[in-house]
Amino acid sequence: GRPPSVPVLAALLITLIPTTIGGLLSAIGIAGM
């Protein structure tokens, strides 16, 4: 009976998915070359 708001759920999703490595993956490969 107390569903969380969409922004709160969005915050939960984005903080749990691997954004750190997702954001850095391309940079790691380019930097290696």
All heavy atoms as atom14 arrays in JSON, in Angstrom:
{
  "sequence": "GRPPSVPVLAALLITLIPTTIGGLLSAIGIAGM",
  "atom14_mask": [
    [1, 1, 1, 1, 0, 0, 0, 0, 0, 0, 0, 0, 0, 0],
    [1, 1, 1, 1, 1, 1, 1, 1, 1, 1, 1, 0, 0, 0],
    [1, 1, 1, 1, 1, 1, 1, 0, 0, 0, 0, 0, 0, 0],
    [1, 1, 1, 1, 1, 1, 1, 0, 0, 0, 0, 0, 0, 0],
    [1, 1, 1, 1, 1, 1, 0, 0, 0, 0, 0, 0, 0, 0],
    [1, 1, 1, 1, 1, 1, 1, 0, 0, 0, 0, 0, 0, 0],
    [1, 1, 1, 1, 1, 1, 1, 0, 0, 0, 0, 0, 0, 0],
    [1, 1, 1, 1, 1, 1, 1, 0, 0, 0, 0, 0, 0, 0],
    [1, 1, 1, 1, 1, 1, 1, 1, 0, 0, 0, 0, 0, 0],
    [1, 1, 1, 1, 1, 0, 0, 0, 0, 0, 0, 0, 0, 0],
    [1, 1, 1, 1, 1, 0, 0, 0, 0, 0, 0, 0, 0, 0],
    [1, 1, 1, 1, 1, 1, 1, 1, 0, 0, 0, 0, 0, 0],
    [1, 1, 1, 1, 1, 1, 1, 1, 0, 0, 0, 0, 0, 0],
    [1, 1, 1, 1, 1, 1, 1, 1, 0, 0, 0, 0, 0, 0],
    [1, 1, 1, 1, 1, 1, 1, 0, 0, 0, 0, 0, 0, 0],
    [1, 1, 1, 1, 1, 1, 1, 1, 0, 0, 0, 0, 0, 0],
    [1, 1, 1, 1, 1, 1, 1, 1, 0, 0, 0, 0, 0, 0],
    [1, 1, 1, 1, 1, 1, 1, 0, 0, 0, 0, 0, 0, 0],
    [1, 1, 1, 1, 1, 1, 1, 0, 0, 0, 0, 0, 0, 0],
    [1, 1, 1, 1, 1, 1, 1, 0, 0, 0, 0, 0, 0, 0],
    [1, 1, 1, 1, 1, 1, 1, 1, 0, 0, 0, 0, 0, 0],
    [1, 1, 1, 1, 0, 0, 0, 0, 0, 0, 0, 0, 0, 0],
    [1, 1, 1, 1, 0, 0, 0, 0, 0, 0, 0, 0, 0, 0],
    [1, 1, 1, 1, 1, 1, 1, 1, 0, 0, 0, 0, 0, 0],
    [1, 1, 1, 1, 1, 1, 1, 1, 0, 0, 0, 0, 0, 0],
    [1, 1, 1, 1, 1, 1, 0, 0, 0, 0, 0, 0, 0, 0],
    [1, 1, 1, 1, 1, 0, 0, 0, 0, 0, 0, 0, 0, 0],
    [1, 1, 1, 1, 1, 1, 1, 1, 0, 0, 0, 0, 0, 0],
    [1, 1, 1, 1, 0, 0, 0, 0, 0, 0, 0, 0, 0, 0],
    [1, 1, 1, 1, 1, 1, 1, 1, 0, 0, 0, 0, 0, 0],
    [1, 1, 1, 1, 1, 0, 0, 0, 0, 0, 0, 0, 0, 0],
    [1, 1, 1, 1, 0, 0, 0, 0, 0, 0, 0, 0, 0, 0],
    [1, 1, 1, 1, 1, 1, 1, 1, 0, 0, 0, 0, 0, 0]
  ],
  "atom14_positions": [
    [[0.78, -1.23, 0.0], [0.0, 0.0, 0.0], [0.81, 1.27, 0.0], [0.24, 2.37, 0.03], [0.0, 0.0, 0.0], [0.0, 0.0, 0.0], [0.0, 0.0, 0.0], [0.0, 0.0, 0.0], [0.0, 0.0, 0.0], [0.0, 0.0, 0.0], [0.0, 0.0, 0.0], [0.0, 0.0, 0.0], [0.0, 0.0, 0.0], [0.0, 0.0, 0.0]],
    [[2.14, 1.2, -0.04], [2.97, 2.4, -0.02], [4.06, 2.31, -1.1], [5.24, 2.14, -0.81], [3.63, 2.59, 1.34], [2.63, 2.86, 2.45], [3.37, 3.17, 3.74], [2.45, 3.47, 4.81], [2.83, 3.79, 6.04], [4.12, 3.83, 6.35], [1.93, 4.06, 6.97], [0.0, 0.0, 0.0], [0.0, 0.0, 0.0], [0.0, 0.0, 0.0]],
    [[3.65, 2.38, -2.38], [4.65, 2.27, -3.44], [5.56, 3.49, -3.45], [5.1, 4.62, -3.25], [3.79, 2.22, -4.72], [2.53, 2.92, -4.35], [2.29, 2.62, -2.9], [0.0, 0.0, 0.0], [0.0, 0.0, 0.0], [0.0, 0.0, 0.0], [0.0, 0.0, 0.0], [0.0, 0.0, 0.0], [0.0, 0.0, 0.0], [0.0, 0.0, 0.0]],
    [[6.86, 3.31, -3.65], [7.78, 4.45, -3.72], [7.57, 5.24, -5.0], [7.03, 4.73, -5.99], [9.16, 3.8, -3.69], [8.94, 2.42, -4.21], [7.57, 2.03, -3.78], [0.0, 0.0, 0.0], [0.0, 0.0, 0.0], [0.0, 0.0, 0.0], [0.0, 0.0, 0.0], [0.0, 0.0, 0.0], [0.0, 0.0, 0.0], [0.0, 0.0, 0.0]],
    [[8.0, 6.49, -5.0], [7.85, 7.33, -6.19], [8.81, 6.88, -7.28], [9.82, 6.22, -7.02], [8.12, 8.79, -5.83], [9.48, 8.97, -5.48], [0.0, 0.0, 0.0], [0.0, 0.0, 0.0], [0.0, 0.0, 0.0], [0.0, 0.0, 0.0], [0.0, 0.0, 0.0], [0.0, 0.0, 0.0], [0.0, 0.0, 0.0], [0.0, 0.0, 0.0]],
    [[8.47, 7.27, -8.52], [9.31, 6.9, -9.66], [10.72, 7.47, -9.53], [11.7, 6.76, -9.79], [8.65, 7.34, -10.98], [9.61, 7.14, -12.16], [7.36, 6.58, -11.21], [0.0, 0.0, 0.0], [0.0, 0.0, 0.0], [0.0, 0.0, 0.0], [0.0, 0.0, 0.0], [0.0, 0.0, 0.0], [0.0, 0.0, 0.0], [0.0, 0.0, 0.0]],
    [[10.91, 8.74, -9.13], [12.28, 9.24, -8.97], [13.1, 8.44, -7.97], [14.3, 8.23, -8.17], [12.08, 10.69, -8.49], [10.75, 11.07, -9.04], [9.92, 9.83, -8.95], [0.0, 0.0, 0.0], [0.0, 0.0, 0.0], [0.0, 0.0, 0.0], [0.0, 0.0, 0.0], [0.0, 0.0, 0.0], [0.0, 0.0, 0.0], [0.0, 0.0, 0.0]],
    [[12.45, 7.99, -6.89], [13.17, 7.19, -5.9], [13.57, 5.84, -6.5], [14.7, 5.38, -6.32], [12.32, 7.0, -4.64], [12.96, 5.96, -3.72], [12.16, 8.32, -3.91], [0.0, 0.0, 0.0], [0.0, 0.0, 0.0], [0.0, 0.0, 0.0], [0.0, 0.0, 0.0], [0.0, 0.0, 0.0], [0.0, 0.0, 0.0], [0.0, 0.0, 0.0]],
    [[12.67, 5.23, -7.23], [12.98, 3.95, -7.88], [14.08, 4.14, -8.95], [14.94, 3.28, -9.12], [11.73, 3.37, -8.52], [10.66, 2.86, -7.54], [9.39, 2.5, -8.29], [11.18, 1.66, -6.77], [0.0, 0.0, 0.0], [0.0, 0.0, 0.0], [0.0, 0.0, 0.0], [0.0, 0.0, 0.0], [0.0, 0.0, 0.0], [0.0, 0.0, 0.0]],
    [[14.02, 5.28, -9.64], [15.05, 5.57, -10.63], [16.42, 5.69, -9.97], [17.43, 5.17, -10.48], [14.71, 6.86, -11.38], [0.0, 0.0, 0.0], [0.0, 0.0, 0.0], [0.0, 0.0, 0.0], [0.0, 0.0, 0.0], [0.0, 0.0, 0.0], [0.0, 0.0, 0.0], [0.0, 0.0, 0.0], [0.0, 0.0, 0.0], [0.0, 0.0, 0.0]],
    [[16.43, 6.37, -8.82], [17.69, 6.5, -8.09], [18.21, 5.14, -7.66], [19.42, 4.86, -7.75], [17.49, 7.4, -6.88], [0.0, 0.0, 0.0], [0.0, 0.0, 0.0], [0.0, 0.0, 0.0], [0.0, 0.0, 0.0], [0.0, 0.0, 0.0], [0.0, 0.0, 0.0], [0.0, 0.0, 0.0], [0.0, 0.0, 0.0], [0.0, 0.0, 0.0]],
    [[17.3, 4.28, -7.21], [17.7, 2.94, -6.79], [18.29, 2.16, -7.97], [19.35, 1.54, -7.85], [16.49, 2.2, -6.22], [16.71, 0.73, -5.85], [17.74, 0.6, -4.74], [15.39, 0.07, -5.45], [0.0, 0.0, 0.0], [0.0, 0.0, 0.0], [0.0, 0.0, 0.0], [0.0, 0.0, 0.0], [0.0, 0.0, 0.0], [0.0, 0.0, 0.0]],
    [[17.61, 2.22, -9.12], [18.08, 1.47, -10.29], [19.47, 1.95, -10.74], [20.37, 1.14, -10.95], [17.08, 1.62, -11.44], [17.5, 1.0, -12.79], [17.64, -0.5, -12.65], [16.51, 1.36, -13.89], [0.0, 0.0, 0.0], [0.0, 0.0, 0.0], [0.0, 0.0, 0.0], [0.0, 0.0, 0.0], [0.0, 0.0, 0.0], [0.0, 0.0, 0.0]],
    [[19.63, 3.26, -10.87], [20.88, 3.79, -11.41], [22.05, 3.57, -10.46], [23.19, 3.35, -10.88], [20.73, 5.29, -11.74], [19.65, 5.49, -12.8], [22.05, 5.88, -12.22], [19.82, 4.65, -14.05], [0.0, 0.0, 0.0], [0.0, 0.0, 0.0], [0.0, 0.0, 0.0], [0.0, 0.0, 0.0], [0.0, 0.0, 0.0], [0.0, 0.0, 0.0]],
    [[21.79, 3.61, -9.16], [22.9, 3.37, -8.22], [23.26, 1.9, -8.11], [24.37, 1.57, -7.67], [22.55, 3.91, -6.82], [21.3, 3.35, -6.39], [22.45, 5.42, -6.83], [0.0, 0.0, 0.0], [0.0, 0.0, 0.0], [0.0, 0.0, 0.0], [0.0, 0.0, 0.0], [0.0, 0.0, 0.0], [0.0, 0.0, 0.0], [0.0, 0.0, 0.0]],
    [[22.35, 1.01, -8.5], [22.63, -0.42, -8.4], [23.25, -1.0, -9.67], [24.04, -1.94, -9.6], [21.36, -1.19, -8.03], [20.79, -0.92, -6.63], [19.6, -1.83, -6.37], [21.84, -1.11, -5.56], [0.0, 0.0, 0.0], [0.0, 0.0, 0.0], [0.0, 0.0, 0.0], [0.0, 0.0, 0.0], [0.0, 0.0, 0.0], [0.0, 0.0, 0.0]],
    [[22.86, -0.47, -10.85], [23.45, -1.0, -12.07], [24.91, -0.54, -12.15], [25.28, 0.48, -11.56], [22.66, -0.58, -13.34], [22.7, 0.95, -13.52], [21.24, -1.08, -13.26], [22.0, 1.41, -14.79], [0.0, 0.0, 0.0], [0.0, 0.0, 0.0], [0.0, 0.0, 0.0], [0.0, 0.0, 0.0], [0.0, 0.0, 0.0], [0.0, 0.0, 0.0]],
    [[25.77, -1.28, -12.87], [27.22, -0.98, -12.86], [27.58, 0.25, -13.7], [28.26, 0.15, -14.73], [27.84, -2.26, -13.42], [26.78, -2.84, -14.28], [25.47, -2.51, -13.64], [0.0, 0.0, 0.0], [0.0, 0.0, 0.0], [0.0, 0.0, 0.0], [0.0, 0.0, 0.0], [0.0, 0.0, 0.0], [0.0, 0.0, 0.0], [0.0, 0.0, 0.0]],
    [[27.12, 1.43, -13.26], [27.4, 2.65, -14.02], [28.88, 3.02, -13.99], [29.39, 3.63, -14.93], [26.58, 3.83, -13.46], [26.75, 3.87, -12.04], [25.11, 3.68, -13.77], [0.0, 0.0, 0.0], [0.0, 0.0, 0.0], [0.0, 0.0, 0.0], [0.0, 0.0, 0.0], [0.0, 0.0, 0.0], [0.0, 0.0, 0.0], [0.0, 0.0, 0.0]],
    [[29.58, 2.67, -12.91], [30.99, 3.05, -12.81], [31.81, 2.43, -13.93], [32.49, 3.13, -14.69], [31.57, 2.64, -11.45], [30.77, 3.2, -10.41], [33.0, 3.1, -11.3], [0.0, 0.0, 0.0], [0.0, 0.0, 0.0], [0.0, 0.0, 0.0], [0.0, 0.0, 0.0], [0.0, 0.0, 0.0], [0.0, 0.0, 0.0], [0.0, 0.0, 0.0]],
    [[31.77, 1.11, -14.06], [32.54, 0.46, -15.11], [31.93, 0.75, -16.47], [32.64, 0.87, -17.48], [32.66, -1.07, -14.86], [33.59, -1.71, -15.89], [31.3, -1.73, -14.86], [35.01, -1.19, -15.85], [0.0, 0.0, 0.0], [0.0, 0.0, 0.0], [0.0, 0.0, 0.0], [0.0, 0.0, 0.0], [0.0, 0.0, 0.0], [0.0, 0.0, 0.0]],
    [[30.6, 0.9, -16.53], [29.96, 1.25, -17.79], [30.44, 2.57, -18.33], [30.63, 2.75, -19.54], [0.0, 0.0, 0.0], [0.0, 0.0, 0.0], [0.0, 0.0, 0.0], [0.0, 0.0, 0.0], [0.0, 0.0, 0.0], [0.0, 0.0, 0.0], [0.0, 0.0, 0.0], [0.0, 0.0, 0.0], [0.0, 0.0, 0.0], [0.0, 0.0, 0.0]],
    [[30.63, 3.54, -17.42], [31.09, 4.85, -17.84], [32.56, 4.89, -18.19], [33.0, 5.77, -18.92], [0.0, 0.0, 0.0], [0.0, 0.0, 0.0], [0.0, 0.0, 0.0], [0.0, 0.0, 0.0], [0.0, 0.0, 0.0], [0.0, 0.0, 0.0], [0.0, 0.0, 0.0], [0.0, 0.0, 0.0], [0.0, 0.0, 0.0], [0.0, 0.0, 0.0]],
    [[33.34, 3.95, -17.66], [34.79, 3.99, -17.85], [35.3, 2.98, -18.86], [36.48, 3.02, -19.24], [35.49, 3.75, -16.51], [35.25, 4.8, -15.43], [35.84, 4.34, -14.1], [35.85, 6.14, -15.83], [0.0, 0.0, 0.0], [0.0, 0.0, 0.0], [0.0, 0.0, 0.0], [0.0, 0.0, 0.0], [0.0, 0.0, 0.0], [0.0, 0.0, 0.0]],
    [[34.46, 2.06, -19.3], [34.92, 0.96, -20.15], [35.57, 1.45, -21.44], [36.67, 1.02, -21.79], [33.75, 0.03, -20.47], [34.09, -1.2, -21.32], [35.15, -2.05, -20.64], [32.84, -2.01, -21.61], [0.0, 0.0, 0.0], [0.0, 0.0, 0.0], [0.0, 0.0, 0.0], [0.0, 0.0, 0.0], [0.0, 0.0, 0.0], [0.0, 0.0, 0.0]],
    [[34.9, 2.37, -22.15], [35.48, 2.86, -23.4], [36.78, 3.59, -23.15], [37.74, 3.46, -23.92], [34.48, 3.79, -24.11], [33.35, 3.06, -24.55], [0.0, 0.0, 0.0], [0.0, 0.0, 0.0], [0.0, 0.0, 0.0], [0.0, 0.0, 0.0], [0.0, 0.0, 0.0], [0.0, 0.0, 0.0], [0.0, 0.0, 0.0], [0.0, 0.0, 0.0]],
    [[36.84, 4.38, -22.07], [38.05, 5.13, -21.76], [39.22, 4.19, -21.5], [40.36, 4.47, -21.91], [37.81, 6.03, -20.55], [0.0, 0.0, 0.0], [0.0, 0.0, 0.0], [0.0, 0.0, 0.0], [0.0, 0.0, 0.0], [0.0, 0.0, 0.0], [0.0, 0.0, 0.0], [0.0, 0.0, 0.0], [0.0, 0.0, 0.0], [0.0, 0.0, 0.0]],
    [[38.97, 3.06, -20.84], [40.04, 2.1, -20.55], [40.62, 1.55, -21.84], [41.84, 1.47, -22.01], [39.5, 0.95, -19.67], [39.09, 1.48, -18.29], [40.55, -0.15, -19.52], [38.31, 0.48, -17.46], [0.0, 0.0, 0.0], [0.0, 0.0, 0.0], [0.0, 0.0, 0.0], [0.0, 0.0, 0.0], [0.0, 0.0, 0.0], [0.0, 0.0, 0.0]],
    [[39.74, 1.17, -22.78], [40.22, 0.61, -24.04], [40.98, 1.62, -24.88], [42.04, 1.31, -25.43], [0.0, 0.0, 0.0], [0.0, 0.0, 0.0], [0.0, 0.0, 0.0], [0.0, 0.0, 0.0], [0.0, 0.0, 0.0], [0.0, 0.0, 0.0], [0.0, 0.0, 0.0], [0.0, 0.0, 0.0], [0.0, 0.0, 0.0], [0.0, 0.0, 0.0]],
    [[40.44, 2.82, -24.99], [41.12, 3.86, -25.77], [42.47, 4.2, -25.16], [43.47, 4.36, -25.85], [40.23, 5.12, -25.86], [38.95, 4.8, -26.63], [40.99, 6.26, -26.54], [37.91, 5.9, -26.59], [0.0, 0.0, 0.0], [0.0, 0.0, 0.0], [0.0, 0.0, 0.0], [0.0, 0.0, 0.0], [0.0, 0.0, 0.0], [0.0, 0.0, 0.0]],
    [[42.5, 4.3, -23.82], [43.75, 4.63, -23.14], [44.8, 3.54, -23.33], [46.0, 3.83, -23.4], [43.49, 4.86, -21.65], [0.0, 0.0, 0.0], [0.0, 0.0, 0.0], [0.0, 0.0, 0.0], [0.0, 0.0, 0.0], [0.0, 0.0, 0.0], [0.0, 0.0, 0.0], [0.0, 0.0, 0.0], [0.0, 0.0, 0.0], [0.0, 0.0, 0.0]],
    [[44.38, 2.28, -23.42], [45.32, 1.2, -23.66], [46.02, 1.36, -24.99], [47.25, 1.18, -25.1], [0.0, 0.0, 0.0], [0.0, 0.0, 0.0], [0.0, 0.0, 0.0], [0.0, 0.0, 0.0], [0.0, 0.0, 0.0], [0.0, 0.0, 0.0], [0.0, 0.0, 0.0], [0.0, 0.0, 0.0], [0.0, 0.0, 0.0], [0.0, 0.0, 0.0]],
    [[45.26, 1.71, -26.04], [45.87, 1.96, -27.34], [46.8, 3.16, -27.27], [47.89, 3.17, -27.85], [44.77, 2.22, -28.37], [43.82, 1.06, -28.58], [44.49, -0.23, -29.65], [44.34, 0.55, -31.24], [0.0, 0.0, 0.0], [0.0, 0.0, 0.0], [0.0, 0.0, 0.0], [0.0, 0.0, 0.0], [0.0, 0.0, 0.0], [0.0, 0.0, 0.0]]
  ]
}
